C-alpha atoms as a PDB file:
ATOM      1  CA  MET A   1       0.052   0.007   0.000  1.00  0.00           C
ATOM      2  CA  SER A   2       1.284   3.472  -0.911  1.00  0.00           C
ATOM      3  CA  PHE A   3       2.392   5.613   2.044  1.00  0.00           C
ATOM      4  CA  ILE A   4       3.518   8.564  -0.145  1.00  0.00           C
ATOM      5  CA  THR A   5       1.665   9.283  -3.403  1.00  0.00           C
ATOM      6  CA  LEU A   6       2.444  11.977  -6.009  1.00  0.00           C
ATOM      7  CA  ASN A   7      -0.415  12.410  -8.590  1.00  0.00           C
ATOM      8  CA  GLN A   8       0.385  14.276 -11.776  1.00  0.00           C
ATOM      9  CA  ILE A   9       2.772  16.682 -10.016  1.00  0.00           C
ATOM     10  CA  GLN A  10       3.972  19.537 -12.195  1.00  0.00           C
ATOM     11  CA  LYS A  11       6.120  22.577 -11.397  1.00  0.00           C
ATOM     12  CA  SER A  12       7.744  25.362 -13.405  1.00  0.00           C
ATOM     13  CA  PHE A  13      10.014  28.226 -12.600  1.00  0.00           C
ATOM     14  CA  GLU A  14      10.099  31.455 -14.740  1.00  0.00           C
ATOM     15  CA  GLY A  15       8.274  29.543 -17.536  1.00  0.00           C
ATOM     16  CA  GLN A  16      10.651  26.563 -17.550  1.00  0.00           C
ATOM     17  CA  THR A  17       9.041  23.272 -16.571  1.00  0.00           C
ATOM     18  CA  VAL A  18      11.216  21.447 -14.016  1.00  0.00           C
ATOM     19  CA  ILE A  19       8.857  18.678 -13.119  1.00  0.00           C
ATOM     20  CA  GLN A  20       6.590  17.174 -15.722  1.00  0.00           C
ATOM     21  CA  GLU A  21       3.492  15.362 -14.649  1.00  0.00           C
ATOM     22  CA  MET A  22       5.189  13.107 -12.107  1.00  0.00           C
ATOM     23  CA  ASN A  23       3.408  10.055 -10.774  1.00  0.00           C
ATOM     24  CA  LEU A  24       5.010   8.066  -7.981  1.00  0.00           C
ATOM     25  CA  GLU A  25       4.101   5.748  -5.120  1.00  0.00           C
ATOM     26  CA  ILE A  26       6.297   4.992  -2.068  1.00  0.00           C
ATOM     27  CA  LYS A  27       5.590   2.349   0.480  1.00  0.00           C
ATOM     28  CA  LYS A  28       5.869   2.687   4.161  1.00  0.00           C
ATOM     29  CA  GLY A  29       9.383   1.876   5.366  1.00  0.00           C
ATOM     30  CA  GLU A  30      11.059   2.129   2.045  1.00  0.00           C
ATOM     31  CA  LEU A  31      14.156   4.055   1.344  1.00  0.00           C
ATOM     32  CA  VAL A  32      13.751   5.577  -2.133  1.00  0.00           C
ATOM     33  CA  THR A  33      16.560   7.530  -3.927  1.00  0.00           C
ATOM     34  CA  PHE A  34      15.873  10.383  -6.383  1.00  0.00           C
ATOM     35  CA  LEU A  35      18.935  10.020  -8.636  1.00  0.00           C
ATOM     36  CA  GLY A  36      20.044  12.134 -11.517  1.00  0.00           C
ATOM     37  CA  PRO A  37      22.253  14.945 -12.776  1.00  0.00           C
ATOM     38  CA  SER A  38      22.230  18.531 -11.604  1.00  0.00           C
ATOM     39  CA  GLY A  39      19.162  20.385 -12.781  1.00  0.00           C
ATOM     40  CA  CYS A  40      17.087  17.231 -13.370  1.00  0.00           C
ATOM     41  CA  GLY A  41      14.373  18.292 -10.779  1.00  0.00           C
ATOM     42  CA  LYS A  42      15.205  15.831  -7.934  1.00  0.00           C
ATOM     43  CA  SER A  43      15.692  18.491  -5.226  1.00  0.00           C
ATOM     44  CA  THR A  44      12.514  20.404  -6.332  1.00  0.00           C
ATOM     45  CA  LEU A  45      10.559  17.229  -6.134  1.00  0.00           C
ATOM     46  CA  LEU A  46      11.933  16.564  -2.664  1.00  0.00           C
ATOM     47  CA  ARG A  47      11.017  20.206  -1.517  1.00  0.00           C
ATOM     48  CA  MET A  48       7.515  19.784  -2.890  1.00  0.00           C
ATOM     49  CA  ILE A  49       7.119  16.704  -0.620  1.00  0.00           C
ATOM     50  CA  ALA A  50       8.514  18.730   2.303  1.00  0.00           C
ATOM     51  CA  GLY A  51       6.050  21.683   1.606  1.00  0.00           C
ATOM     52  CA  LEU A  52       8.784  24.123   0.859  1.00  0.00           C
ATOM     53  CA  VAL A  53       7.620  24.390  -2.836  1.00  0.00           C
ATOM     54  CA  THR A  54       4.111  24.246  -3.986  1.00  0.00           C
ATOM     55  CA  PRO A  55       3.254  22.293  -7.170  1.00  0.00           C
ATOM     56  CA  GLU A  56       1.234  24.137  -9.802  1.00  0.00           C
ATOM     57  CA  GLU A  57      -0.676  20.997 -10.726  1.00  0.00           C
ATOM     58  CA  GLY A  58      -1.406  17.607  -9.008  1.00  0.00           C
ATOM     59  CA  SER A  59      -1.548  16.385  -5.413  1.00  0.00           C
ATOM     60  CA  ILE A  60       0.691  14.995  -2.707  1.00  0.00           C
ATOM     61  CA  LEU A  61      -0.607  12.444  -0.161  1.00  0.00           C
ATOM     62  CA  ILE A  62       1.245  11.238   2.950  1.00  0.00           C
ATOM     63  CA  ASP A  63      -0.276   8.362   4.926  1.00  0.00           C
ATOM     64  CA  GLY A  64      -3.552   8.857   2.993  1.00  0.00           C
ATOM     65  CA  ARG A  65      -3.811  12.567   3.838  1.00  0.00           C
ATOM     66  CA  ASP A  66      -3.685  15.290   1.092  1.00  0.00           C
ATOM     67  CA  VAL A  67      -0.888  17.548   2.288  1.00  0.00           C
ATOM     68  CA  THR A  68      -0.561  19.536  -1.055  1.00  0.00           C
ATOM     69  CA  ASN A  69      -1.410  22.871   0.611  1.00  0.00           C
ATOM     70  CA  VAL A  70      -0.443  21.932   4.192  1.00  0.00           C
ATOM     71  CA  SER A  71       2.477  23.922   5.801  1.00  0.00           C
ATOM     72  CA  PRO A  72       5.822  22.126   6.218  1.00  0.00           C
ATOM     73  CA  LYS A  73       5.550  21.987  10.055  1.00  0.00           C
ATOM     74  CA  ASP A  74       2.141  20.230   9.945  1.00  0.00           C
ATOM     75  CA  ARG A  75       3.242  17.438   7.466  1.00  0.00           C
ATOM     76  CA  GLY A  76       5.105  15.175   9.888  1.00  0.00           C
ATOM     77  CA  VAL A  77       8.122  15.416   7.665  1.00  0.00           C
ATOM     78  CA  GLY A  78      11.796  15.791   8.738  1.00  0.00           C
ATOM     79  CA  MET A  79      14.579  17.078   6.515  1.00  0.00           C
ATOM     80  CA  VAL A  80      18.398  16.812   6.477  1.00  0.00           C
ATOM     81  CA  PHE A  81      20.349  19.154   4.147  1.00  0.00           C
ATOM     82  CA  GLN A  82      23.883  19.134   2.774  1.00  0.00           C
ATOM     83  CA  SER A  83      24.634  22.080   5.235  1.00  0.00           C
ATOM     84  CA  TYR A  84      24.303  20.666   8.756  1.00  0.00           C
ATOM     85  CA  ALA A  85      22.422  23.652  10.052  1.00  0.00           C
ATOM     86  CA  LEU A  86      23.220  22.898  13.706  1.00  0.00           C
ATOM     87  CA  PHE A  87      22.800  25.622  16.360  1.00  0.00           C
ATOM     88  CA  PRO A  88      26.351  26.693  17.137  1.00  0.00           C
ATOM     89  CA  ASN A  89      25.550  27.853  20.697  1.00  0.00           C
ATOM     90  CA  MET A  90      24.168  24.436  21.595  1.00  0.00           C
ATOM     91  CA  ASN A  91      26.072  21.254  22.310  1.00  0.00           C
ATOM     92  CA  VAL A  92      25.328  17.863  20.838  1.00  0.00           C
ATOM     93  CA  TYR A  93      22.811  16.978  23.439  1.00  0.00           C
ATOM     94  CA  GLU A  94      20.937  20.237  23.123  1.00  0.00           C
ATOM     95  CA  ASN A  95      20.893  20.180  19.360  1.00  0.00           C
ATOM     96  CA  VAL A  96      19.305  16.646  19.339  1.00  0.00           C
ATOM     97  CA  ALA A  97      16.939  17.595  22.144  1.00  0.00           C
ATOM     98  CA  PHE A  98      15.702  20.794  20.393  1.00  0.00           C
ATOM     99  CA  GLY A  99      12.690  19.398  18.558  1.00  0.00           C
ATOM    100  CA  LEU A 100      11.524  17.325  21.560  1.00  0.00           C
ATOM    101  CA  LYS A 101      11.626  20.477  23.735  1.00  0.00           C
ATOM    102  CA  MET A 102       9.496  22.247  21.154  1.00  0.00           C
ATOM    103  CA  LYS A 103       7.019  19.391  21.503  1.00  0.00           C
ATOM    104  CA  LYS A 104       6.976  20.053  25.212  1.00  0.00           C
ATOM    105  CA  MET A 105       7.909  16.590  26.227  1.00  0.00           C
ATOM    106  CA  GLU A 106       8.807  15.699  29.809  1.00  0.00           C
ATOM    107  CA  LYS A 107      12.478  16.087  30.700  1.00  0.00           C
ATOM    108  CA  GLY A 108      12.946  12.393  31.582  1.00  0.00           C
ATOM    109  CA  GLU A 109      11.418  11.244  28.204  1.00  0.00           C
ATOM    110  CA  ILE A 110      13.532  13.744  26.343  1.00  0.00           C
ATOM    111  CA  HIS A 111      16.688  12.546  28.119  1.00  0.00           C
ATOM    112  CA  GLU A 112      15.934   8.907  27.268  1.00  0.00           C
ATOM    113  CA  LYS A 113      15.213   9.547  23.639  1.00  0.00           C
ATOM    114  CA  VAL A 114      18.250  11.879  23.160  1.00  0.00           C
ATOM    115  CA  MET A 115      20.796   9.536  24.783  1.00  0.00           C
ATOM    116  CA  SER A 116      19.403   6.561  22.763  1.00  0.00           C
ATOM    117  CA  MET A 117      19.634   8.448  19.562  1.00  0.00           C
ATOM    118  CA  ILE A 118      23.161   9.794  20.264  1.00  0.00           C
ATOM    119  CA  GLU A 119      24.183   6.144  20.890  1.00  0.00           C
ATOM    120  CA  LEU A 120      22.560   5.027  17.644  1.00  0.00           C
ATOM    121  CA  VAL A 121      24.537   7.586  15.565  1.00  0.00           C
ATOM    122  CA  GLY A 122      27.736   6.579  17.336  1.00  0.00           C
ATOM    123  CA  LEU A 123      28.390   9.826  19.267  1.00  0.00           C
ATOM    124  CA  THR A 124      28.347   8.543  22.841  1.00  0.00           C
ATOM    125  CA  GLY A 125      30.800  10.663  24.900  1.00  0.00           C
ATOM    126  CA  LYS A 126      30.268  13.704  22.609  1.00  0.00           C
ATOM    127  CA  GLU A 127      27.132  14.991  24.273  1.00  0.00           C
ATOM    128  CA  LYS A 128      28.715  18.147  25.522  1.00  0.00           C
ATOM    129  CA  ALA A 129      30.751  18.953  22.431  1.00  0.00           C
ATOM    130  CA  TYR A 130      29.802  21.985  20.348  1.00  0.00           C
ATOM    131  CA  PRO A 131      29.551  21.953  16.571  1.00  0.00           C
ATOM    132  CA  HIS A 132      32.857  23.661  16.014  1.00  0.00           C
ATOM    133  CA  GLU A 133      34.541  20.866  17.974  1.00  0.00           C
ATOM    134  CA  LEU A 134      33.200  18.107  15.749  1.00  0.00           C
ATOM    135  CA  SER A 135      34.309  16.879  12.297  1.00  0.00           C
ATOM    136  CA  GLY A 136      32.082  17.311   9.299  1.00  0.00           C
ATOM    137  CA  GLY A 137      31.030  13.614   9.547  1.00  0.00           C
ATOM    138  CA  GLN A 138      30.205  14.065  13.249  1.00  0.00           C
ATOM    139  CA  GLN A 139      28.095  17.147  12.568  1.00  0.00           C
ATOM    140  CA  GLN A 140      26.093  15.292   9.967  1.00  0.00           C
ATOM    141  CA  ARG A 141      25.485  12.555  12.453  1.00  0.00           C
ATOM    142  CA  VAL A 142      24.095  15.117  14.978  1.00  0.00           C
ATOM    143  CA  ALA A 143      21.884  16.600  12.101  1.00  0.00           C
ATOM    144  CA  LEU A 144      20.598  13.138  11.321  1.00  0.00           C
ATOM    145  CA  ALA A 145      19.965  12.369  15.065  1.00  0.00           C
ATOM    146  CA  ARG A 146      18.119  15.660  15.501  1.00  0.00           C
ATOM    147  CA  SER A 147      15.784  14.850  12.577  1.00  0.00           C
ATOM    148  CA  VAL A 148      15.136  11.184  13.446  1.00  0.00           C
ATOM    149  CA  VAL A 149      14.561  11.699  17.278  1.00  0.00           C
ATOM    150  CA  VAL A 150      11.221  13.526  16.683  1.00  0.00           C
ATOM    151  CA  GLU A 151       9.954  10.378  14.820  1.00  0.00           C
ATOM    152  CA  PRO A 152       8.883  12.049  11.511  1.00  0.00           C
ATOM    153  CA  LYS A 153       6.480  10.076   9.328  1.00  0.00           C
ATOM    154  CA  VAL A 154       8.985  10.750   6.461  1.00  0.00           C
ATOM    155  CA  LEU A 155      12.638  11.709   6.531  1.00  0.00           C
ATOM    156  CA  LEU A 156      13.776  13.646   3.475  1.00  0.00           C
ATOM    157  CA  LEU A 157      17.608  13.979   2.801  1.00  0.00           C
ATOM    158  CA  ASP A 158      18.833  16.400   0.278  1.00  0.00           C
ATOM    159  CA  GLU A 159      22.488  15.360  -0.726  1.00  0.00           C
ATOM    160  CA  PRO A 160      23.406  15.153   2.999  1.00  0.00           C
ATOM    161  CA  LEU A 161      26.782  13.429   2.414  1.00  0.00           C
ATOM    162  CA  SER A 162      28.048  15.287  -0.685  1.00  0.00           C
ATOM    163  CA  ALA A 163      30.423  17.589   1.211  1.00  0.00           C
ATOM    164  CA  LEU A 164      32.264  14.768   2.966  1.00  0.00           C
ATOM    165  CA  ASP A 165      35.411  12.849   1.989  1.00  0.00           C
ATOM    166  CA  ALA A 166      35.082   9.427   0.444  1.00  0.00           C
ATOM    167  CA  GLN A 167      35.734   7.217   3.480  1.00  0.00           C
ATOM    168  CA  ILE A 168      33.533   9.171   5.820  1.00  0.00           C
ATOM    169  CA  ARG A 169      30.832   9.233   3.256  1.00  0.00           C
ATOM    170  CA  LYS A 170      30.997   5.411   2.919  1.00  0.00           C
ATOM    171  CA  ASN A 171      30.676   5.060   6.711  1.00  0.00           C
ATOM    172  CA  LEU A 172      27.736   7.339   6.896  1.00  0.00           C
ATOM    173  CA  GLN A 173      26.085   5.566   4.047  1.00  0.00           C
ATOM    174  CA  LYS A 174      26.119   2.311   6.108  1.00  0.00           C
ATOM    175  CA  LEU A 175      24.966   4.203   9.144  1.00  0.00           C
ATOM    176  CA  LEU A 176      22.052   5.816   7.307  1.00  0.00           C
ATOM    177  CA  ARG A 177      20.873   2.500   5.966  1.00  0.00           C
ATOM    178  CA  SER A 178      21.237   0.786   9.340  1.00  0.00           C
ATOM    179  CA  ILE A 179      19.196   3.489  11.115  1.00  0.00           C
ATOM    180  CA  GLN A 180      16.468   3.376   8.345  1.00  0.00           C
ATOM    181  CA  GLN A 181      16.167  -0.405   8.615  1.00  0.00           C
ATOM    182  CA  ARG A 182      16.254  -0.501  12.343  1.00  0.00           C
ATOM    183  CA  LEU A 183      13.608   2.106  12.861  1.00  0.00           C
ATOM    184  CA  GLY A 184      11.536   1.423   9.817  1.00  0.00           C
ATOM    185  CA  ILE A 185      11.381   4.990   8.686  1.00  0.00           C
ATOM    186  CA  THR A 186      10.263   6.030   5.247  1.00  0.00           C
ATOM    187  CA  MET A 187      13.130   7.949   3.706  1.00  0.00           C
ATOM    188  CA  ILE A 188      13.762   9.719   0.446  1.00  0.00           C
ATOM    189  CA  LEU A 189      17.251  10.545  -0.478  1.00  0.00           C
ATOM    190  CA  VAL A 190      18.427  12.945  -3.220  1.00  0.00           C
ATOM    191  CA  THR A 191      21.802  12.303  -4.752  1.00  0.00           C
ATOM    192  CA  HIS A 192      23.746  12.568  -7.982  1.00  0.00           C
ATOM    193  CA  ASP A 193      26.071   9.766  -6.876  1.00  0.00           C
ATOM    194  CA  GLN A 194      25.188   6.469  -8.546  1.00  0.00           C
ATOM    195  CA  GLU A 195      27.293   4.431  -6.149  1.00  0.00           C
ATOM    196  CA  GLU A 196      25.656   5.909  -3.157  1.00  0.00           C
ATOM    197  CA  ALA A 197      22.144   5.317  -4.594  1.00  0.00           C
ATOM    198  CA  MET A 198      23.059   1.635  -5.247  1.00  0.00           C
ATOM    199  CA  VAL A 199      24.340   1.093  -1.762  1.00  0.00           C
ATOM    200  CA  VAL A 200      21.559   2.483   0.367  1.00  0.00           C
ATOM    201  CA  SER A 201      18.342   2.209  -1.690  1.00  0.00           C
ATOM    202  CA  ASP A 202      15.380  -0.176  -1.751  1.00  0.00           C
ATOM    203  CA  ARG A 203      14.404   1.572  -4.897  1.00  0.00           C
ATOM    204  CA  ILE A 204      15.891   4.132  -7.350  1.00  0.00           C
ATOM    205  CA  VAL A 205      13.901   6.767  -9.142  1.00  0.00           C
ATOM    206  CA  LEU A 206      16.175   7.913 -12.040  1.00  0.00           C
ATOM    207  CA  LEU A 207      15.248  11.426 -13.159  1.00  0.00           C
ATOM    208  CA  ASN A 208      16.233  13.525 -16.199  1.00  0.00           C
ATOM    209  CA  ASN A 209      14.778  16.908 -17.447  1.00  0.00           C
ATOM    210  CA  GLY A 210      12.015  16.692 -14.882  1.00  0.00           C
ATOM    211  CA  GLN A 211      10.870  13.283 -15.946  1.00  0.00           C
ATOM    212  CA  MET A 212      11.110   9.811 -14.443  1.00  0.00           C
ATOM    213  CA  VAL A 213      13.344   7.866 -16.762  1.00  0.00           C
ATOM    214  CA  GLN A 214      13.402   4.561 -14.787  1.00  0.00           C
ATOM    215  CA  ASN A 215      12.033   3.297 -11.508  1.00  0.00           C
ATOM    216  CA  GLY A 216      13.132   0.062  -9.842  1.00  0.00           C
ATOM    217  CA  HIS A 217      15.388  -1.999  -7.480  1.00  0.00           C
ATOM    218  CA  PRO A 218      18.993  -0.993  -7.813  1.00  0.00           C
ATOM    219  CA  HIS A 219      19.940  -4.330  -9.262  1.00  0.00           C
ATOM    220  CA  ASP A 220      17.252  -4.010 -12.007  1.00  0.00           C
ATOM    221  CA  ILE A 221      18.210  -0.450 -12.771  1.00  0.00           C
ATOM    222  CA  TYR A 222      21.847  -1.405 -13.284  1.00  0.00           C
ATOM    223  CA  MET A 223      21.397  -4.712 -15.050  1.00  0.00           C
ATOM    224  CA  ASN A 224      18.624  -3.563 -17.337  1.00  0.00           C
ATOM    225  CA  PRO A 225      18.855   0.158 -18.236  1.00  0.00           C
ATOM    226  CA  ALA A 226      15.797   1.064 -20.246  1.00  0.00           C
ATOM    227  CA  THR A 227      17.099   4.082 -22.162  1.00  0.00           C
ATOM    228  CA  GLU A 228      20.285   5.444 -23.529  1.00  0.00           C
ATOM    229  CA  PHE A 229      20.347   8.101 -20.767  1.00  0.00           C
ATOM    230  CA  ALA A 230      19.938   5.453 -18.074  1.00  0.00           C
ATOM    231  CA  ALA A 231      22.742   3.397 -19.611  1.00  0.00           C
ATOM    232  CA  ARG A 232      25.135   6.359 -19.799  1.00  0.00           C
ATOM    233  CA  PHE A 233      24.275   7.641 -16.307  1.00  0.00           C
ATOM    234  CA  ILE A 234      24.319   4.380 -14.420  1.00  0.00           C
ATOM    235  CA  GLY A 235      27.758   2.716 -14.113  1.00  0.00           C
ATOM    236  CA  HIS A 236      30.215   2.877 -16.925  1.00  0.00           C
ATOM    237  CA  TYR A 237      28.287   1.269 -19.773  1.00  0.00           C
ATOM    238  CA  ASN A 238      29.381   0.989 -23.353  1.00  0.00           C
ATOM    239  CA  VAL A 239      26.629   2.539 -25.445  1.00  0.00           C
ATOM    240  CA  LEU A 240      26.976   1.690 -29.111  1.00  0.00           C
ATOM    241  CA  ASP A 241      24.781   1.816 -32.130  1.00  0.00           C
ATOM    242  CA  ALA A 242      23.860  -1.128 -34.344  1.00  0.00           C
ATOM    243  CA  HIS A 243      26.425  -0.292 -36.965  1.00  0.00           C
ATOM    244  CA  ASP A 244      29.286  -0.263 -34.336  1.00  0.00           C
ATOM    245  CA  LEU A 245      28.101  -3.507 -32.903  1.00  0.00           C
ATOM    246  CA  ARG A 246      28.051  -5.195 -36.332  1.00  0.00           C
ATOM    247  CA  THR A 247      31.622  -3.946 -36.891  1.00  0.00           C
ATOM    248  CA  LEU A 248      32.624  -5.080 -33.330  1.00  0.00           C
ATOM    249  CA  PHE A 249      31.171  -8.612 -33.618  1.00  0.00           C
ATOM    250  CA  GLY A 250      31.343  -9.202 -37.285  1.00  0.00           C
ATOM    251  CA  GLN A 251      27.798 -10.456 -37.333  1.00  0.00           C
ATOM    252  CA  THR A 252      24.408  -9.131 -38.294  1.00  0.00           C
ATOM    253  CA  LEU A 253      22.134  -7.949 -35.584  1.00  0.00           C
ATOM    254  CA  LYS A 254      18.297  -8.367 -35.746  1.00  0.00           C
ATOM    255  CA  ALA A 255      17.481  -4.635 -35.189  1.00  0.00           C
ATOM    256  CA  ASP A 256      18.905  -1.208 -35.542  1.00  0.00           C
ATOM    257  CA  GLY A 257      18.894   1.233 -32.632  1.00  0.00           C
ATOM    258  CA  MET A 258      21.229   1.702 -29.616  1.00  0.00           C
ATOM    259  CA  TYR A 259      22.656  -1.000 -27.377  1.00  0.00           C
ATOM    260  CA  ALA A 260      24.417  -1.087 -23.985  1.00  0.00           C
ATOM    261  CA  ILE A 261      27.051  -3.442 -22.628  1.00  0.00           C
ATOM    262  CA  ARG A 262      28.349  -3.524 -19.046  1.00  0.00           C
ATOM    263  CA  PRO A 263      32.135  -3.176 -18.997  1.00  0.00           C
ATOM    264  CA  GLU A 264      32.441  -6.128 -16.633  1.00  0.00           C
ATOM    265  CA  ALA A 265      30.402  -8.352 -18.993  1.00  0.00           C
ATOM    266  CA  PHE A 266      33.565  -8.969 -21.081  1.00  0.00           C
ATOM    267  CA  GLN A 267      35.384 -12.168 -20.254  1.00  0.00           C
ATOM    268  CA  ARG A 268      38.689 -13.721 -21.289  1.00  0.00           C
ATOM    269  CA  THR A 269      37.174 -17.222 -21.347  1.00  0.00           C
ATOM    270  CA  GLU A 270      34.383 -18.792 -23.538  1.00  0.00           C
ATOM    271  CA  SER A 271      31.013 -19.560 -21.779  1.00  0.00           C
ATOM    272  CA  GLY A 272      27.546 -19.920 -23.340  1.00  0.00           C
ATOM    273  CA  PRO A 273      26.330 -18.328 -26.559  1.00  0.00           C
ATOM    274  CA  PHE A 274      28.835 -15.535 -26.994  1.00  0.00           C
ATOM    275  CA  TYR A 275      30.411 -13.019 -29.373  1.00  0.00           C
ATOM    276  CA  ALA A 276      34.122 -13.052 -29.669  1.00  0.00           C
ATOM    277  CA  ILE A 277      36.164  -9.872 -30.139  1.00  0.00           C
ATOM    278  CA  THR A 278      39.867  -9.419 -30.875  1.00  0.00           C
ATOM    279  CA  ALA A 279      40.805  -6.032 -29.488  1.00  0.00           C
ATOM    280  CA  VAL A 280      43.896  -3.860 -28.769  1.00  0.00           C
ATOM    281  CA  VAL A 281      44.458  -2.284 -25.335  1.00  0.00           C
ATOM    282  CA  LYS A 282      44.669   1.490 -25.599  1.00  0.00           C
ATOM    283  CA  ASP A 283      44.820   2.566 -21.984  1.00  0.00           C
ATOM    284  CA  VAL A 284      44.867   0.949 -18.491  1.00  0.00           C
ATOM    285  CA  ALA A 285      43.266   2.403 -15.273  1.00  0.00           C
ATOM    286  CA  VAL A 286      43.591   0.516 -11.982  1.00  0.00           C
ATOM    287  CA  LEU A 287      40.363   0.978  -9.930  1.00  0.00           C
ATOM    288  CA  GLY A 288      41.185  -1.062  -6.783  1.00  0.00           C
ATOM    289  CA  ASN A 289      39.875  -4.596  -7.285  1.00  0.00           C
ATOM    290  CA  ILE A 290      39.196  -4.082 -11.030  1.00  0.00           C
ATOM    291  CA  VAL A 291      41.221  -2.800 -13.983  1.00  0.00           C
ATOM    292  CA  ARG A 292      39.431  -0.678 -16.534  1.00  0.00           C
ATOM    293  CA  TYR A 293      40.798  -1.157 -20.019  1.00  0.00           C
ATOM    294  CA  SER A 294      40.201   1.296 -22.854  1.00  0.00           C
ATOM    295  CA  MET A 295      40.150  -0.928 -25.894  1.00  0.00           C
ATOM    296  CA  GLU A 296      39.529  -0.801 -29.754  1.00  0.00           C
ATOM    297  CA  SER A 297      38.411  -3.332 -32.160  1.00  0.00           C
ATOM    298  CA  ASN A 298      37.981  -2.547 -35.869  1.00  0.00           C
ATOM    299  CA  SER A 299      38.209   1.239 -34.949  1.00  0.00           C
ATOM    300  CA  VAL A 300      35.353   0.811 -32.444  1.00  0.00           C
ATOM    301  CA  PRO A 301      36.385   2.041 -28.981  1.00  0.00           C
ATOM    302  CA  PHE A 302      34.874   0.339 -25.853  1.00  0.00           C
ATOM    303  CA  SER A 303      35.736  -0.313 -22.186  1.00  0.00           C
ATOM    304  CA  ALA A 304      36.188  -3.560 -20.383  1.00  0.00           C
ATOM    305  CA  ASP A 305      36.547  -4.102 -16.679  1.00  0.00           C
ATOM    306  CA  LEU A 306      38.426  -7.191 -15.529  1.00  0.00           C
ATOM    307  CA  LEU A 307      39.269  -8.389 -11.973  1.00  0.00           C
ATOM    308  CA  GLN A 308      42.696  -7.287 -10.729  1.00  0.00           C
ATOM    309  CA  GLN A 309      45.131 -10.122 -11.077  1.00  0.00           C
ATOM    310  CA  ARG A 310      48.775 -10.336  -9.778  1.00  0.00           C
ATOM    311  CA  GLU A 311      49.915 -10.787 -13.413  1.00  0.00           C
ATOM    312  CA  SER A 312      47.394  -9.507 -16.012  1.00  0.00           C
ATOM    313  CA  GLY A 313      49.700  -9.548 -18.940  1.00  0.00           C
ATOM    314  CA  LEU A 314      47.789  -6.665 -20.496  1.00  0.00           C
ATOM    315  CA  SER A 315      49.313  -3.262 -21.171  1.00  0.00           C
ATOM    316  CA  PRO A 316      48.855  -0.581 -23.842  1.00  0.00           C
ATOM    317  CA  GLY A 317      49.437  -2.230 -27.253  1.00  0.00           C
ATOM    318  CA  SER A 318      48.543  -5.720 -26.149  1.00  0.00           C
ATOM    319  CA  GLU A 319      46.179  -7.777 -28.215  1.00  0.00           C
ATOM    320  CA  VAL A 320      43.521  -9.730 -26.536  1.00  0.00           C
ATOM    321  CA  THR A 321      40.541 -11.924 -27.425  1.00  0.00           C
ATOM    322  CA  LEU A 322      37.413 -11.175 -25.307  1.00  0.00           C
ATOM    323  CA  TYR A 323      34.029 -12.950 -25.203  1.00  0.00           C
ATOM    324  CA  ILE A 324      30.621 -11.593 -24.308  1.00  0.00           C
ATOM    325  CA  LEU A 325      27.370 -13.432 -23.691  1.00  0.00           C
ATOM    326  CA  LYS A 326      24.797 -12.531 -26.294  1.00  0.00           C
ATOM    327  CA  GLU A 327      22.277 -11.854 -23.508  1.00  0.00           C
ATOM    328  CA  ASP A 328      24.568  -9.090 -22.079  1.00  0.00           C
ATOM    329  CA  VAL A 329      24.057  -6.973 -25.229  1.00  0.00           C
ATOM    330  CA  ILE A 330      21.013  -4.892 -24.014  1.00  0.00           C
ATOM    331  CA  PRO A 331      18.744  -3.123 -26.599  1.00  0.00           C
ATOM    332  CA  LEU A 332      17.770   0.385 -25.422  1.00  0.00           C
ATOM    333  CA  THR A 333      14.494   2.256 -26.140  1.00  0.00           C
END
């Protein structure tokens, strides 16, 4: 059953349409990510759910209640921004307790909830520290705790981790997902980071030019991109037209159009119904546990990702035969 429903939502700014007749349903307890490039409308969509922006057309329902024209404070929605927006004159405990005090809860109940939340976000022992005494990652934990402790119906996160360095960001992604699953909160995350979306989401809504391009489980979005935009934006797909594929494989394809191939779908051993390609290595990039090879075959460039080996034997100028299962050549609409 839908917990959040967007019906025919539309929004324009200065005559330019930024959200085009959006329909979307989100279940209770889901973590859904709005993913897309800058300017695609994902933050505008989030702010309409929060009540910070009013749609020109359509309606927004939360838990069966039409909140399209309800003020942000009366929607039961919490929000975490990229900027931590902590009160600089309040310590960690006071920042987390702020919303509960506004609800006029009893002191004992506030203390119990605040201490439990501080422990949940891994800041035990930092209760008396002020924001300027904390790292960026710690400040974002406080911002998250402050939003979650008031038990909102929906928690909205607008690129909350984008200002953090890579390792801290990965740690907070795990924490965010852990908190969401433990408490069963309905969350909507906005990000332009494909890896982040894949790691934390139950479902990804891929947006471009104010429209929903694809909507599904991260695995399905990655393995079966529906359009050329999805293939180019998700992962590091090779996107080739039918002419290039015919040149690459030396075989006739059934249909024209565009096709996508995952770089990791290329293999150095034969298995199943496959295409064989003889290619020359043009460039090599080591990406941790994989090596990304820029290759060329019959003047058609493509990328192949192979697992890191102690002795790969491949360097620029090397010639190699690769195999790809026919089912891994994905036609795009």
